[in-house]
Amino acid sequence: QVELVESGGGLVQPGGSLRLSCAVSGDTSDYYAIGWFRQAPGKEREGVSYITSADRTTYYTDSVKGRFTISRDNAKKMVYLQMNSLKPEDTGAYYCAATIVDFEFDQWKDENGYDFWGQGIQVTVSS
């Protein structure tokens, strides 16, 4: 069993930065790959970024490449999503999710591939 708790969300102006954190608990949490998803009002949930467990390979959806950075610290059982140059279209509820599978290519974007989910945290980008 793995539990995930997100933190670090809030209100930020366009062009600003936020760092989301995902605390991952459980004895085998180091073996789980972690994805970040977001859901804007009236839209479907979409994959934002993903980091594997084995070699920490990272993936990003096109709209956040060059602006967001995902990382993990297994000693602290934490996964981070550093978000820079935020835009209003980045607004939404952000979720971290865990999967035992180290996906390749775009497989990580399918939310059905994840076993455990956090409760989500709101990020609002507005002036």
Foldseek 3Di string as FASTA:
>chain_A
DKAKAKDWADEAAAQAKIKIKIAIDDPCLLLWKKWKWWDDPPGDIWTAKIFHNPPRDIDGDPVQPPFWDWDDDVVRRMIMIIGGSDDQVVWGWMKMFIANDDDDDCPVTDPVRTDYIYPTDTHGHHD
